[in-house]
Amino acid sequence: MRRDSRLIPLSREHHAPLRLGRRLIAGGAQDELRAMLPALQAHFAEEERTLLPRLRAGGERALAQRLLDEHRALSALFARALQGECEAETGKALIDHVRFEERELFPVVEALFETEDVS
């Protein structure tokens, strides 16, 4: 799938979380999660800083809210998984979130980019 150049860095960052999600589902991935947590938090912050304003300005408030809600839910799950709880649930939620962004969120953002570029 070809991505708008403005989304390529965020899209490329999704590969490692997908691997992490599979490892969490398998269990025993607390150390890997702990090591990746700063990058995951930075990724969430970058998406919120760059994508949320565009989504809101484009009338996509429901998608903006879903992005925020999923980031908050994942952060809570990460904390639990670091304690050895609900690793499989965390892994599944992380994979589902990446798929949401790639399949639903990013195509909408790309359409908004096109609208901005025409204006």
Protein backbone atom coordinates (compact mmCIF):
# COMPACT_ATOMS: atom_id res chain seq x y z
CA MET A 1 0.00 0.00 0.00
CA ARG A 2 1.46 3.33 -1.04
CA ARG A 3 1.41 5.95 1.72
CA ASP A 4 1.56 9.71 1.53
CA SER A 5 5.14 10.71 2.28
CA ARG A 6 3.94 12.58 5.38
CA LEU A 7 2.71 9.32 6.90
CA ILE A 8 5.57 7.03 5.90
CA PRO A 9 7.61 7.56 9.09
CA LEU A 10 4.62 6.75 11.30
CA SER A 11 3.69 3.78 9.14
CA ARG A 12 7.22 2.36 9.26
CA GLU A 13 7.19 2.62 13.03
CA HIS A 14 4.27 0.16 13.09
CA HIS A 15 6.42 -2.86 12.21
CA ALA A 16 8.06 -3.19 15.62
CA PRO A 17 4.77 -2.87 17.57
CA LEU A 18 3.25 -5.62 15.43
CA ARG A 19 6.16 -7.91 16.35
CA LEU A 20 5.80 -6.88 19.98
CA GLY A 21 2.08 -7.62 19.88
CA ARG A 22 2.75 -11.16 18.70
CA ARG A 23 5.38 -11.63 21.42
CA LEU A 24 2.96 -10.35 24.06
CA ILE A 25 0.31 -12.79 22.89
CA ALA A 26 2.84 -15.61 23.24
CA GLY A 27 3.73 -14.38 26.76
CA GLY A 28 6.88 -13.42 28.60
CA ALA A 29 7.54 -10.19 26.70
CA GLN A 30 7.71 -7.75 29.62
CA ASP A 31 11.37 -6.93 28.99
CA GLU A 32 10.73 -6.29 25.31
CA LEU A 33 7.74 -4.09 26.17
CA ARG A 34 9.80 -2.19 28.75
CA ALA A 35 12.50 -1.55 26.15
CA MET A 36 10.00 -0.39 23.52
CA LEU A 37 7.81 1.69 25.81
CA PRO A 38 9.62 5.03 25.25
CA ALA A 39 9.34 4.61 21.47
CA LEU A 40 5.66 3.65 21.74
CA GLN A 41 4.94 6.68 23.91
CA ALA A 42 6.81 8.96 21.51
CA HIS A 43 4.87 7.48 18.58
CA PHE A 44 1.54 8.10 20.33
CA ALA A 45 2.58 11.68 21.15
CA GLU A 46 3.62 12.36 17.56
CA GLU A 47 0.33 11.03 16.19
CA GLU A 48 -1.62 13.13 18.65
CA ARG A 49 0.42 16.24 17.86
CA THR A 50 0.23 15.91 14.08
CA LEU A 51 -2.92 13.95 13.26
CA LEU A 52 -5.48 15.04 15.84
CA PRO A 53 -5.63 18.69 14.71
CA ARG A 54 -6.09 17.60 11.08
CA LEU A 55 -8.78 15.09 11.96
CA ARG A 56 -10.69 17.62 14.04
CA ALA A 57 -10.37 20.36 11.43
CA GLY A 58 -11.61 17.91 8.80
CA GLY A 59 -14.69 17.04 10.82
CA GLU A 60 -13.39 13.59 11.76
CA ARG A 61 -14.01 13.99 15.48
CA ALA A 62 -15.06 10.37 16.02
CA LEU A 63 -11.79 9.08 14.53
CA ALA A 64 -9.82 11.61 16.58
CA GLN A 65 -11.56 10.45 19.74
CA ARG A 66 -11.01 6.80 18.89
CA LEU A 67 -7.29 7.46 18.41
CA LEU A 68 -7.08 9.12 21.82
CA ASP A 69 -9.19 6.45 23.51
CA GLU A 70 -7.08 3.64 22.09
CA HIS A 71 -3.83 5.35 23.07
CA ARG A 72 -5.11 5.73 26.65
CA ALA A 73 -6.35 2.15 26.79
CA LEU A 74 -3.05 0.83 25.43
CA SER A 75 -1.06 2.85 27.94
CA ALA A 76 -3.10 1.29 30.76
CA LEU A 77 -2.65 -2.17 29.26
CA PHE A 78 1.09 -1.61 28.91
CA ALA A 79 1.31 -0.84 32.63
CA ARG A 80 -0.55 -4.05 33.48
CA ALA A 81 1.49 -6.14 31.05
CA LEU A 82 4.70 -4.86 32.63
CA GLN A 83 3.39 -6.40 35.86
CA GLY A 84 2.89 -9.73 34.08
CA GLU A 85 -0.87 -9.29 33.70
CA CYS A 86 -3.01 -9.54 30.55
CA GLU A 87 -0.11 -9.82 28.12
CA ALA A 88 -2.20 -11.56 25.47
CA GLU A 89 -4.95 -8.93 25.76
CA THR A 90 -2.32 -6.20 25.44
CA GLY A 91 -0.75 -7.83 22.41
CA LYS A 92 -4.09 -8.22 20.67
CA ALA A 93 -5.07 -4.61 21.46
CA LEU A 94 -1.74 -3.35 20.11
CA ILE A 95 -2.09 -5.29 16.86
CA ASP A 96 -5.71 -4.19 16.47
CA HIS A 97 -4.68 -0.57 17.03
CA VAL A 98 -1.96 -0.69 14.37
CA ARG A 99 -4.44 -2.24 11.94
CA PHE A 100 -6.99 0.49 12.75
CA GLU A 101 -4.43 3.16 11.98
CA GLU A 102 -3.18 1.58 8.77
CA ARG A 103 -6.57 0.52 7.40
CA GLU A 104 -8.95 3.22 8.64
CA LEU A 105 -7.20 6.24 10.11
CA PHE A 106 -4.37 6.80 7.63
CA PRO A 107 -6.60 6.63 4.52
CA VAL A 108 -8.81 9.35 6.04
CA VAL A 109 -5.76 11.46 6.89
CA GLU A 110 -4.46 11.02 3.34
CA ALA A 111 -7.79 12.25 1.97
CA LEU A 112 -7.52 15.27 4.28
CA PHE A 113 -3.99 15.91 2.98
CA GLU A 114 -5.37 15.91 -0.58
CA THR A 115 -8.04 18.43 0.42
CA GLU A 116 -5.40 20.64 2.07
CA ASP A 117 -3.10 20.38 -0.95
CA VAL A 118 -5.88 21.55 -3.30
CA SER A 119 -6.78 24.53 -1.13
